[in-house]
């Protein structure tokens, strides 16, 4: 089986090399310009094969996406020189896809969603027209990062093994439901203990990044003409929030007094 697979791979490689040499002799294509893209593509394909072979090889998606992205960028820029400005966006798309594949292969690798969202956001930033200037770029960057952390808060995270499940050395397996005649089977198994939960901390950077993105968006649409307006407006809003909090706290602390006043 291994010898047949090796023969297939070697045959495809020889056919591709022959086609490239033939195109070079006919003057249709400069095969020397495709040497490095082919090398990077071969390295990426090797890592991709390693990734698909076993679930434990989830890490291979990261270097595989990098090599495939380099091969795609070099091929696009050499075959279509006018599309060179899209090279960065294509590379970031490949890298984001690699981190996304890491999460899809092993759902416990929730951290891979952060670089995945960052790479996809950078792809959007690079693809923006150069005439847009700096403020729209900042809007897309901050809002894209905010969406990344907001999406991370929706991802279910499975808890790790507890010390009672027999996974640590020196502990035996848990008794079955039948070992506790005076306890219901549902309580003995505790099915709700392994239910996934959702993280709350990503909401903090998501909120901060979203506020920054909205500030830049307001400034880009000329609703705020100068940055010196930010501090006075922030102070006014903070004062209003403190007054509302004080009023609600005082009203909640004396419910009986308000009732007596209304009764009189």
C-alpha atoms as a PDB file:
ATOM      1  CA  UNK A   1       0.000   0.000   0.000  1.00  0.00           C
ATOM      2  CA  UNK A   2       2.795   2.427   0.917  1.00  0.00           C
ATOM      3  CA  UNK A   3       4.743   1.641  -2.247  1.00  0.00           C
ATOM      4  CA  UNK A   4       1.678   2.250  -4.416  1.00  0.00           C
ATOM      5  CA  UNK A   5       0.989   5.576  -2.692  1.00  0.00           C
ATOM      6  CA  UNK A   6       4.614   6.629  -3.145  1.00  0.00           C
ATOM      7  CA  UNK A   7       4.435   5.713  -6.828  1.00  0.00           C
ATOM      8  CA  UNK A   8       1.301   7.829  -7.295  1.00  0.00           C
ATOM      9  CA  UNK A   9       2.877  10.873  -5.636  1.00  0.00           C
ATOM     10  CA  UNK A  10       6.112  10.480  -7.574  1.00  0.00           C
ATOM     11  CA  UNK A  11       4.207  10.056 -10.853  1.00  0.00           C
ATOM     12  CA  UNK A  12       2.184  13.230 -10.292  1.00  0.00           C
ATOM     13  CA  UNK A  13       5.357  15.161  -9.413  1.00  0.00           C
ATOM     14  CA  UNK A  14       7.132  13.949 -12.559  1.00  0.00           C
ATOM     15  CA  UNK A  15       4.152  14.827 -14.752  1.00  0.00           C
ATOM     16  CA  UNK A  16       3.963  18.341 -13.250  1.00  0.00           C
ATOM     17  CA  UNK A  17       7.697  18.849 -13.805  1.00  0.00           C
ATOM     18  CA  UNK A  18       7.401  17.689 -17.414  1.00  0.00           C
ATOM     19  CA  UNK A  19       4.484  20.032 -18.102  1.00  0.00           C
ATOM     20  CA  UNK A  20       6.378  22.991 -16.642  1.00  0.00           C
ATOM     21  CA  UNK A  21       9.468  22.243 -18.739  1.00  0.00           C
ATOM     22  CA  UNK A  22       7.326  21.917 -21.850  1.00  0.00           C
ATOM     23  CA  UNK A  23       5.638  25.266 -21.214  1.00  0.00           C
ATOM     24  CA  UNK A  24       9.049  26.817 -20.636  1.00  0.00           C
ATOM     25  CA  UNK A  25      10.395  25.459 -23.952  1.00  0.00           C
ATOM     26  CA  UNK A  26       7.340  26.766 -25.808  1.00  0.00           C
ATOM     27  CA  UNK A  27       7.765  30.221 -24.260  1.00  0.00           C
ATOM     28  CA  UNK A  28       4.330  30.135 -22.678  1.00  0.00           C
ATOM     29  CA  UNK A  29       5.440  30.237 -19.055  1.00  0.00           C
ATOM     30  CA  UNK A  30       8.643  30.948 -17.153  1.00  0.00           C
ATOM     31  CA  UNK A  31       8.917  27.781 -15.108  1.00  0.00           C
ATOM     32  CA  UNK A  32      11.839  29.130 -13.077  1.00  0.00           C
ATOM     33  CA  UNK A  33       9.486  31.687 -11.511  1.00  0.00           C
ATOM     34  CA  UNK A  34       7.306  28.866 -10.141  1.00  0.00           C
ATOM     35  CA  UNK A  35      10.068  26.929  -8.404  1.00  0.00           C
ATOM     36  CA  UNK A  36       9.617  28.548  -4.997  1.00  0.00           C
ATOM     37  CA  UNK A  37       5.802  28.499  -5.159  1.00  0.00           C
ATOM     38  CA  UNK A  38       5.953  24.788  -5.912  1.00  0.00           C
ATOM     39  CA  UNK A  39       8.336  24.177  -3.021  1.00  0.00           C
ATOM     40  CA  UNK A  40       6.067  26.074  -0.620  1.00  0.00           C
ATOM     41  CA  UNK A  41       2.996  24.296  -1.997  1.00  0.00           C
ATOM     42  CA  UNK A  42       4.665  20.903  -1.518  1.00  0.00           C
ATOM     43  CA  UNK A  43       5.568  21.774   2.082  1.00  0.00           C
ATOM     44  CA  UNK A  44       2.029  22.976   2.750  1.00  0.00           C
ATOM     45  CA  UNK A  45       0.545  19.837   1.228  1.00  0.00           C
ATOM     46  CA  UNK A  46       2.810  17.706   3.430  1.00  0.00           C
ATOM     47  CA  UNK A  47       1.627  19.451   6.588  1.00  0.00           C
ATOM     48  CA  UNK A  48      -1.975  19.262   5.384  1.00  0.00           C
ATOM     49  CA  UNK A  49      -1.641  15.511   4.877  1.00  0.00           C
ATOM     50  CA  UNK A  50      -0.208  15.195   8.376  1.00  0.00           C
ATOM     51  CA  UNK A  51      -3.136  17.240   9.718  1.00  0.00           C
ATOM     52  CA  UNK A  52      -5.748  15.051   8.024  1.00  0.00           C
ATOM     53  CA  UNK A  53      -4.094  11.817   9.090  1.00  0.00           C
ATOM     54  CA  UNK A  54      -4.650  12.115  12.853  1.00  0.00           C
ATOM     55  CA  UNK A  55      -6.584  14.333  15.260  1.00  0.00           C
ATOM     56  CA  UNK A  56      -3.464  14.672  17.393  1.00  0.00           C
ATOM     57  CA  UNK A  57      -1.748  16.504  14.535  1.00  0.00           C
ATOM     58  CA  UNK A  58      -3.973  19.602  14.800  1.00  0.00           C
ATOM     59  CA  UNK A  59      -0.857  21.784  15.039  1.00  0.00           C
ATOM     60  CA  UNK A  60       0.094  20.902  11.438  1.00  0.00           C
ATOM     61  CA  UNK A  61      -2.693  23.141  10.103  1.00  0.00           C
ATOM     62  CA  UNK A  62      -0.775  26.267  11.191  1.00  0.00           C
ATOM     63  CA  UNK A  63       2.492  25.747   9.234  1.00  0.00           C
ATOM     64  CA  UNK A  64       0.497  24.160   6.417  1.00  0.00           C
ATOM     65  CA  UNK A  65      -1.639  27.273   6.002  1.00  0.00           C
ATOM     66  CA  UNK A  66       1.461  29.496   6.114  1.00  0.00           C
ATOM     67  CA  UNK A  67       3.240  27.574   3.342  1.00  0.00           C
ATOM     68  CA  UNK A  68       0.119  27.325   1.202  1.00  0.00           C
ATOM     69  CA  UNK A  69      -0.503  31.051   1.697  1.00  0.00           C
ATOM     70  CA  UNK A  70       3.035  31.892   0.585  1.00  0.00           C
ATOM     71  CA  UNK A  71       2.640  29.686  -2.479  1.00  0.00           C
ATOM     72  CA  UNK A  72      -0.682  31.321  -3.370  1.00  0.00           C
ATOM     73  CA  UNK A  73       0.680  34.856  -2.932  1.00  0.00           C
ATOM     74  CA  UNK A  74       3.773  34.196  -5.029  1.00  0.00           C
ATOM     75  CA  UNK A  75       1.731  32.523  -7.762  1.00  0.00           C
ATOM     76  CA  UNK A  76      -0.836  35.335  -7.919  1.00  0.00           C
ATOM     77  CA  UNK A  77       1.763  38.097  -7.984  1.00  0.00           C
ATOM     78  CA  UNK A  78       3.798  36.390 -10.711  1.00  0.00           C
ATOM     79  CA  UNK A  79       0.943  35.366 -12.976  1.00  0.00           C
ATOM     80  CA  UNK A  80      -1.179  38.505 -12.441  1.00  0.00           C
ATOM     81  CA  UNK A  81       1.071  41.445 -11.512  1.00  0.00           C
ATOM     82  CA  UNK A  82      -1.934  43.761 -11.307  1.00  0.00           C
ATOM     83  CA  UNK A  83      -3.333  41.761  -8.391  1.00  0.00           C
ATOM     84  CA  UNK A  84      -0.231  42.207  -6.223  1.00  0.00           C
ATOM     85  CA  UNK A  85      -2.122  44.475  -3.845  1.00  0.00           C
ATOM     86  CA  UNK A  86      -4.336  41.553  -2.890  1.00  0.00           C
ATOM     87  CA  UNK A  87      -1.382  39.395  -1.873  1.00  0.00           C
ATOM     88  CA  UNK A  88      -1.477  40.407   1.796  1.00  0.00           C
ATOM     89  CA  UNK A  89      -5.209  39.762   2.067  1.00  0.00           C
ATOM     90  CA  UNK A  90      -4.806  36.303   0.515  1.00  0.00           C
ATOM     91  CA  UNK A  91      -1.982  35.431   2.906  1.00  0.00           C
ATOM     92  CA  UNK A  92      -3.959  36.492   5.987  1.00  0.00           C
ATOM     93  CA  UNK A  93      -6.980  34.534   4.726  1.00  0.00           C
ATOM     94  CA  UNK A  94      -4.890  31.367   4.502  1.00  0.00           C
ATOM     95  CA  UNK A  95      -3.478  31.893   7.994  1.00  0.00           C
ATOM     96  CA  UNK A  96      -6.926  32.563   9.443  1.00  0.00           C
ATOM     97  CA  UNK A  97      -8.211  29.397   7.793  1.00  0.00           C
ATOM     98  CA  UNK A  98      -5.370  27.434   9.380  1.00  0.00           C
ATOM     99  CA  UNK A  99      -6.237  28.576  12.904  1.00  0.00           C
ATOM    100  CA  UNK A 100      -9.913  27.970  12.177  1.00  0.00           C
ATOM    101  CA  UNK A 101      -9.068  24.401  11.161  1.00  0.00           C
ATOM    102  CA  UNK A 102      -7.210  23.946  14.468  1.00  0.00           C
ATOM    103  CA  UNK A 103     -10.402  24.789  16.377  1.00  0.00           C
ATOM    104  CA  UNK A 104     -12.645  22.672  14.142  1.00  0.00           C
ATOM    105  CA  UNK A 105     -10.381  19.648  14.549  1.00  0.00           C
ATOM    106  CA  UNK A 106     -10.106  19.944  18.347  1.00  0.00           C
ATOM    107  CA  UNK A 107     -12.843  22.005  20.017  1.00  0.00           C
ATOM    108  CA  UNK A 108     -10.834  22.332  23.225  1.00  0.00           C
ATOM    109  CA  UNK A 109      -8.431  24.617  21.321  1.00  0.00           C
ATOM    110  CA  UNK A 110     -10.738  27.623  21.705  1.00  0.00           C
ATOM    111  CA  UNK A 111      -7.678  29.901  21.818  1.00  0.00           C
ATOM    112  CA  UNK A 112      -7.225  29.352  18.066  1.00  0.00           C
ATOM    113  CA  UNK A 113     -10.298  31.496  17.415  1.00  0.00           C
ATOM    114  CA  UNK A 114      -8.410  34.602  18.605  1.00  0.00           C
ATOM    115  CA  UNK A 115      -5.628  34.475  15.975  1.00  0.00           C
ATOM    116  CA  UNK A 116      -8.222  33.295  13.442  1.00  0.00           C
ATOM    117  CA  UNK A 117     -10.309  36.423  13.998  1.00  0.00           C
ATOM    118  CA  UNK A 118      -7.218  38.636  14.040  1.00  0.00           C
ATOM    119  CA  UNK A 119      -5.999  37.248  10.714  1.00  0.00           C
ATOM    120  CA  UNK A 120      -9.407  37.621   9.071  1.00  0.00           C
ATOM    121  CA  UNK A 121      -9.630  41.194  10.364  1.00  0.00           C
ATOM    122  CA  UNK A 122      -6.176  41.981   8.988  1.00  0.00           C
ATOM    123  CA  UNK A 123      -7.266  40.524   5.645  1.00  0.00           C
ATOM    124  CA  UNK A 124     -10.148  43.012   5.578  1.00  0.00           C
ATOM    125  CA  UNK A 125      -7.849  45.862   6.596  1.00  0.00           C
ATOM    126  CA  UNK A 126      -5.334  45.081   3.851  1.00  0.00           C
ATOM    127  CA  UNK A 127      -8.114  44.739   1.264  1.00  0.00           C
ATOM    128  CA  UNK A 128      -9.486  48.229   1.981  1.00  0.00           C
ATOM    129  CA  UNK A 129      -8.884  50.847  -0.722  1.00  0.00           C
ATOM    130  CA  UNK A 130      -5.851  53.016  -0.046  1.00  0.00           C
ATOM    131  CA  UNK A 131      -7.891  56.166  -0.640  1.00  0.00           C
ATOM    132  CA  UNK A 132      -9.948  55.540   2.478  1.00  0.00           C
ATOM    133  CA  UNK A 133      -7.239  56.830   4.791  1.00  0.00           C
ATOM    134  CA  UNK A 134      -6.427  55.876   8.353  1.00  0.00           C
ATOM    135  CA  UNK A 135      -9.724  56.326  10.220  1.00  0.00           C
ATOM    136  CA  UNK A 136     -11.764  53.708   8.267  1.00  0.00           C
ATOM    137  CA  UNK A 137      -8.890  51.283   8.718  1.00  0.00           C
ATOM    138  CA  UNK A 138      -9.025  51.835  12.485  1.00  0.00           C
ATOM    139  CA  UNK A 139     -12.810  51.316  12.438  1.00  0.00           C
ATOM    140  CA  UNK A 140     -12.528  47.968  10.649  1.00  0.00           C
ATOM    141  CA  UNK A 141      -9.619  46.880  12.861  1.00  0.00           C
ATOM    142  CA  UNK A 142     -11.264  47.622  16.217  1.00  0.00           C
ATOM    143  CA  UNK A 143     -14.723  46.381  15.225  1.00  0.00           C
ATOM    144  CA  UNK A 144     -13.241  43.190  13.737  1.00  0.00           C
ATOM    145  CA  UNK A 145     -11.298  42.478  16.931  1.00  0.00           C
ATOM    146  CA  UNK A 146     -14.405  43.243  18.993  1.00  0.00           C
ATOM    147  CA  UNK A 147     -16.402  40.752  16.909  1.00  0.00           C
ATOM    148  CA  UNK A 148     -13.660  38.165  17.465  1.00  0.00           C
ATOM    149  CA  UNK A 149     -13.862  38.365  21.262  1.00  0.00           C
ATOM    150  CA  UNK A 150     -17.653  38.593  21.186  1.00  0.00           C
ATOM    151  CA  UNK A 151     -17.791  35.372  19.155  1.00  0.00           C
ATOM    152  CA  UNK A 152     -15.351  33.774  21.610  1.00  0.00           C
ATOM    153  CA  UNK A 153     -17.803  34.379  24.456  1.00  0.00           C
ATOM    154  CA  UNK A 154     -20.387  32.257  22.603  1.00  0.00           C
ATOM    155  CA  UNK A 155     -18.112  29.233  22.232  1.00  0.00           C
ATOM    156  CA  UNK A 156     -18.978  26.377  24.633  1.00  0.00           C
ATOM    157  CA  UNK A 157     -15.986  25.254  26.669  1.00  0.00           C
ATOM    158  CA  UNK A 158     -15.968  21.765  28.111  1.00  0.00           C
ATOM    159  CA  UNK A 159     -14.598  21.496  31.655  1.00  0.00           C
ATOM    160  CA  UNK A 160     -11.553  19.389  32.299  1.00  0.00           C
ATOM    161  CA  UNK A 161     -11.627  16.066  34.138  1.00  0.00           C
ATOM    162  CA  UNK A 162     -12.402  16.378  37.821  1.00  0.00           C
ATOM    163  CA  UNK A 163     -10.217  14.750  40.490  1.00  0.00           C
ATOM    164  CA  UNK A 164     -12.996  12.250  41.206  1.00  0.00           C
ATOM    165  CA  UNK A 165     -13.323  10.787  37.722  1.00  0.00           C
ATOM    166  CA  UNK A 166     -10.384   8.418  38.121  1.00  0.00           C
ATOM    167  CA  UNK A 167      -8.185  10.233  35.601  1.00  0.00           C
ATOM    168  CA  UNK A 168      -5.352  11.051  37.997  1.00  0.00           C
ATOM    169  CA  UNK A 169      -2.808   8.453  39.121  1.00  0.00           C
ATOM    170  CA  UNK A 170      -3.686   6.330  42.105  1.00  0.00           C
ATOM    171  CA  UNK A 171      -7.448   6.669  41.837  1.00  0.00           C
ATOM    172  CA  UNK A 172      -9.795   3.932  40.794  1.00  0.00           C
ATOM    173  CA  UNK A 173     -12.919   4.170  38.683  1.00  0.00           C
ATOM    174  CA  UNK A 174     -16.034   5.657  40.156  1.00  0.00           C
ATOM    175  CA  UNK A 175     -18.651   3.225  41.384  1.00  0.00           C
ATOM    176  CA  UNK A 176     -21.558   2.663  39.055  1.00  0.00           C
ATOM    177  CA  UNK A 177     -25.111   3.827  39.716  1.00  0.00           C
ATOM    178  CA  UNK A 178     -25.968   0.438  41.135  1.00  0.00           C
ATOM    179  CA  UNK A 179     -23.389   0.783  43.914  1.00  0.00           C
ATOM    180  CA  UNK A 180     -25.601   3.293  45.709  1.00  0.00           C
ATOM    181  CA  UNK A 181     -28.936   1.576  46.358  1.00  0.00           C
ATOM    182  CA  UNK A 182     -30.176   4.520  48.434  1.00  0.00           C
ATOM    183  CA  UNK A 183     -29.314   7.099  45.749  1.00  0.00           C
ATOM    184  CA  UNK A 184     -31.071   7.656  42.405  1.00  0.00           C
ATOM    185  CA  UNK A 185     -29.111   6.799  39.277  1.00  0.00           C
ATOM    186  CA  UNK A 186     -29.334  10.376  38.000  1.00  0.00           C
ATOM    187  CA  UNK A 187     -27.676  11.726  41.127  1.00  0.00           C
ATOM    188  CA  UNK A 188     -24.976   9.085  41.105  1.00  0.00           C
ATOM    189  CA  UNK A 189     -24.024   9.748  37.505  1.00  0.00           C
ATOM    190  CA  UNK A 190     -24.301  13.548  37.748  1.00  0.00           C
ATOM    191  CA  UNK A 191     -24.793  14.161  33.996  1.00  0.00           C
ATOM    192  CA  UNK A 192     -24.943  17.933  34.425  1.00  0.00           C
ATOM    193  CA  UNK A 193     -21.383  18.108  35.790  1.00  0.00           C
ATOM    194  CA  UNK A 194     -19.828  17.696  32.337  1.00  0.00           C
ATOM    195  CA  UNK A 195     -22.019  20.216  30.538  1.00  0.00           C
ATOM    196  CA  UNK A 196     -20.078  22.897  28.636  1.00  0.00           C
ATOM    197  CA  UNK A 197     -20.028  26.480  29.828  1.00  0.00           C
ATOM    198  CA  UNK A 198     -19.324  29.825  28.150  1.00  0.00           C
ATOM    199  CA  UNK A 199     -16.565  32.238  29.021  1.00  0.00           C
ATOM    200  CA  UNK A 200     -17.438  35.724  30.244  1.00  0.00           C
ATOM    201  CA  UNK A 201     -14.040  37.450  30.164  1.00  0.00           C
ATOM    202  CA  UNK A 202     -13.990  37.954  26.340  1.00  0.00           C
ATOM    203  CA  UNK A 203     -16.882  40.382  26.729  1.00  0.00           C
ATOM    204  CA  UNK A 204     -14.570  42.901  28.444  1.00  0.00           C
ATOM    205  CA  UNK A 205     -12.080  43.345  25.555  1.00  0.00           C
ATOM    206  CA  UNK A 206     -14.996  43.080  23.108  1.00  0.00           C
ATOM    207  CA  UNK A 207     -16.750  46.020  24.769  1.00  0.00           C
ATOM    208  CA  UNK A 208     -13.581  48.135  24.932  1.00  0.00           C
ATOM    209  CA  UNK A 209     -12.680  47.466  21.299  1.00  0.00           C
ATOM    210  CA  UNK A 210     -16.260  48.095  20.178  1.00  0.00           C
ATOM    211  CA  UNK A 211     -16.319  51.481  21.925  1.00  0.00           C
ATOM    212  CA  UNK A 212     -13.046  52.455  20.281  1.00  0.00           C
ATOM    213  CA  UNK A 213     -14.370  51.343  16.899  1.00  0.00           C
ATOM    214  CA  UNK A 214     -17.559  53.352  17.348  1.00  0.00           C
ATOM    215  CA  UNK A 215     -15.573  56.427  18.353  1.00  0.00           C
ATOM    216  CA  UNK A 216     -13.495  56.204  15.197  1.00  0.00           C
ATOM    217  CA  UNK A 217     -16.650  55.554  13.167  1.00  0.00           C
ATOM    218  CA  UNK A 218     -18.290  58.691  14.558  1.00  0.00           C
ATOM    219  CA  UNK A 219     -15.185  60.682  13.829  1.00  0.00           C
ATOM    220  CA  UNK A 220     -15.044  59.295  10.289  1.00  0.00           C
ATOM    221  CA  UNK A 221     -18.639  60.347   9.604  1.00  0.00           C
ATOM    222  CA  UNK A 222     -17.893  63.897  10.822  1.00  0.00           C
ATOM    223  CA  UNK A 223     -20.313  63.637  13.742  1.00  0.00           C
ATOM    224  CA  UNK A 224     -17.378  64.480  15.974  1.00  0.00           C
ATOM    225  CA  UNK A 225     -15.155  67.109  14.417  1.00  0.00           C
ATOM    226  CA  UNK A 226     -12.303  67.101  16.929  1.00  0.00           C
ATOM    227  CA  UNK A 227     -10.902  64.703  19.492  1.00  0.00           C
ATOM    228  CA  UNK A 228     -11.074  67.282  22.296  1.00  0.00           C
ATOM    229  CA  UNK A 229     -14.844  66.707  22.490  1.00  0.00           C
ATOM    230  CA  UNK A 230     -14.294  63.147  23.763  1.00  0.00           C
ATOM    231  CA  UNK A 231     -13.233  64.090  27.295  1.00  0.00           C
ATOM    232  CA  UNK A 232     -16.097  66.549  28.066  1.00  0.00           C
ATOM    233  CA  UNK A 233     -18.718  64.180  26.644  1.00  0.00           C
ATOM    234  CA  UNK A 234     -17.257  61.291  28.640  1.00  0.00           C
ATOM    235  CA  UNK A 235     -17.315  63.348  31.860  1.00  0.00           C
ATOM    236  CA  UNK A 236     -20.938  64.352  31.308  1.00  0.00           C
ATOM    237  CA  UNK A 237     -22.023  60.755  30.649  1.00  0.00           C
ATOM    238  CA  UNK A 238     -20.091  59.512  33.676  1.00  0.00           C
ATOM    239  CA  UNK A 239     -21.763  62.155  35.868  1.00  0.00           C
ATOM    240  CA  UNK A 240     -25.209  61.176  34.618  1.00  0.00           C
ATOM    241  CA  UNK A 241     -24.456  57.510  35.303  1.00  0.00           C
ATOM    242  CA  UNK A 242     -23.365  58.307  38.874  1.00  0.00           C
ATOM    243  CA  UNK A 243     -26.517  60.352  39.508  1.00  0.00           C
ATOM    244  CA  UNK A 244     -28.761  57.575  38.211  1.00  0.00           C
ATOM    245  CA  UNK A 245     -26.922  55.029  40.354  1.00  0.00           C
ATOM    246  CA  UNK A 246     -27.232  57.224  43.473  1.00  0.00           C
ATOM    247  CA  UNK A 247     -30.943  57.784  42.877  1.00  0.00           C
ATOM    248  CA  UNK A 248     -31.705  54.088  42.394  1.00  0.00           C
ATOM    249  CA  UNK A 249     -29.584  53.134  45.407  1.00  0.00           C
ATOM    250  CA  UNK A 250     -31.361  55.659  47.633  1.00  0.00           C
ATOM    251  CA  UNK A 251     -34.784  54.609  46.383  1.00  0.00           C
ATOM    252  CA  UNK A 252     -34.009  50.957  47.031  1.00  0.00           C
ATOM    253  CA  UNK A 253     -32.647  51.655  50.528  1.00  0.00           C
ATOM    254  CA  UNK A 254     -35.861  53.342  51.786  1.00  0.00           C
ATOM    255  CA  UNK A 255     -38.836  51.486  50.304  1.00  0.00           C
ATOM    256  CA  UNK A 256     -40.869  51.857  53.511  1.00  0.00           C
ATOM    257  CA  UNK A 257     -40.483  55.606  53.640  1.00  0.00           C
ATOM    258  CA  UNK A 258     -41.762  55.941  50.072  1.00  0.00           C
ATOM    259  CA  UNK A 259     -44.744  53.708  50.932  1.00  0.00           C
ATOM    260  CA  UNK A 260     -45.656  55.824  53.969  1.00  0.00           C
ATOM    261  CA  UNK A 261     -45.476  59.014  51.944  1.00  0.00           C
ATOM    262  CA  UNK A 262     -47.819  57.605  49.293  1.00  0.00           C
ATOM    263  CA  UNK A 263     -50.160  56.252  51.995  1.00  0.00           C
ATOM    264  CA  UNK A 264     -50.453  59.595  53.763  1.00  0.00           C
END
